[in-house]
Amino acid sequence: MNDLWVMFYFGHAWKPKAFDTFACSKDLVHWTRWQGPHLIEPSEPWDQTFAHKPWVLKWQGVVYHFYCAVGDQGRQIALATSHDVR
């Protein structure tokens, strides 16, 4: 995004369940981890066990965040969208 690199990744050791978050860098060497709320975390019955393994792209002004959701319906690919990523 412009002169800023964004690395999307999932974490699991900070809480009992997996979640998606990100870090940013201007030089691809030094990274700053996002300190705000997680991008995706278990919140629904269909992703109550894990919400992880992000794949993110921006197309025509919309950010598409695909992730692996594991819950009461087994394992599936879920999608979250946003217009507000700068």
Protein backbone atom coordinates (compact mmCIF):
# COMPACT_ATOMS: atom_id res chain seq x y z
CA MET A 1 0.00 0.00 0.00
CA ASN A 2 1.91 2.98 -1.34
CA ASP A 3 5.34 2.95 0.36
CA LEU A 4 4.22 0.64 3.16
CA TRP A 5 4.51 -3.15 3.07
CA VAL A 6 1.84 -5.12 4.94
CA MET A 7 2.34 -8.71 6.09
CA PHE A 8 -0.83 -10.57 7.04
CA TYR A 9 -0.36 -13.58 9.32
CA PHE A 10 -2.13 -15.64 11.93
CA GLY A 11 -1.30 -16.01 15.58
CA HIS A 12 -2.22 -18.73 18.01
CA ALA A 13 0.08 -18.54 21.03
CA TRP A 14 -1.36 -15.33 22.49
CA LYS A 15 -4.87 -16.71 23.05
CA PRO A 16 -6.44 -20.14 23.14
CA LYS A 17 -7.71 -19.79 19.56
CA ALA A 18 -6.11 -18.75 16.25
CA PHE A 19 -6.73 -15.30 14.76
CA ASP A 20 -5.52 -13.09 11.86
CA THR A 21 -3.50 -9.92 12.34
CA PHE A 22 -0.80 -7.97 10.50
CA ALA A 23 2.47 -6.04 10.71
CA CYS A 24 3.80 -3.13 8.60
CA SER A 25 7.25 -2.21 7.29
CA LYS A 26 8.78 0.50 5.11
CA ASP A 27 11.99 -1.45 4.42
CA LEU A 28 10.99 -5.16 4.68
CA VAL A 29 13.51 -5.54 7.53
CA HIS A 30 11.95 -3.70 10.48
CA TRP A 31 8.33 -4.60 11.21
CA THR A 32 5.75 -3.03 13.52
CA ARG A 33 3.06 -5.35 14.79
CA TRP A 34 -0.51 -4.04 14.80
CA GLN A 35 -1.59 -3.29 18.39
CA GLY A 36 -5.32 -2.84 17.71
CA PRO A 37 -8.06 -5.44 17.53
CA HIS A 38 -7.45 -8.60 15.50
CA LEU A 39 -8.57 -8.49 11.88
CA ILE A 40 -10.38 -11.79 12.19
CA GLU A 41 -10.88 -13.87 15.31
CA PRO A 42 -13.32 -16.62 16.24
CA SER A 43 -16.73 -14.98 16.68
CA GLU A 44 -19.32 -17.21 14.99
CA PRO A 45 -20.26 -20.88 15.37
CA TRP A 46 -18.68 -21.66 11.99
CA ASP A 47 -15.27 -20.21 13.02
CA GLN A 48 -15.39 -20.78 16.79
CA THR A 49 -12.33 -23.03 16.89
CA PHE A 50 -10.03 -21.17 14.49
CA ALA A 51 -10.14 -18.14 12.20
CA HIS A 52 -6.73 -18.14 10.56
CA LYS A 53 -4.43 -18.46 7.52
CA PRO A 54 -5.19 -15.15 5.78
CA TRP A 55 -5.12 -14.41 2.08
CA VAL A 56 -5.80 -10.73 1.44
CA LEU A 57 -6.14 -8.71 -1.76
CA LYS A 58 -7.49 -5.32 -2.76
CA TRP A 59 -9.48 -5.12 -6.00
CA GLN A 60 -11.53 -2.20 -7.31
CA GLY A 61 -11.43 -0.43 -3.94
CA VAL A 62 -12.59 -3.43 -1.92
CA VAL A 63 -10.32 -5.42 0.41
CA TYR A 64 -11.09 -9.15 0.36
CA HIS A 65 -9.85 -11.15 3.34
CA PHE A 66 -10.18 -14.90 2.81
CA TYR A 67 -9.40 -17.14 5.78
CA CYS A 68 -9.71 -20.69 7.02
CA ALA A 69 -12.69 -21.02 9.40
CA VAL A 70 -12.99 -24.07 11.64
CA GLY A 71 -16.03 -24.58 13.83
CA ASP A 72 -19.26 -26.48 14.25
CA GLN A 73 -19.60 -26.98 10.47
CA GLY A 74 -16.10 -28.35 9.92
CA ARG A 75 -13.39 -26.58 7.95
CA GLN A 76 -14.25 -24.01 5.29
CA ILE A 77 -13.05 -20.86 3.56
CA ALA A 78 -14.63 -17.67 4.90
CA LEU A 79 -14.59 -14.15 3.46
CA ALA A 80 -14.61 -10.74 5.12
CA THR A 81 -14.65 -7.52 3.06
CA SER A 82 -13.85 -3.89 3.79
CA HIS A 83 -13.48 -0.56 2.01
CA ASP A 84 -11.34 0.97 4.76
CA VAL A 85 -7.70 -0.12 4.40
CA ARG A 86 -5.17 2.64 3.80
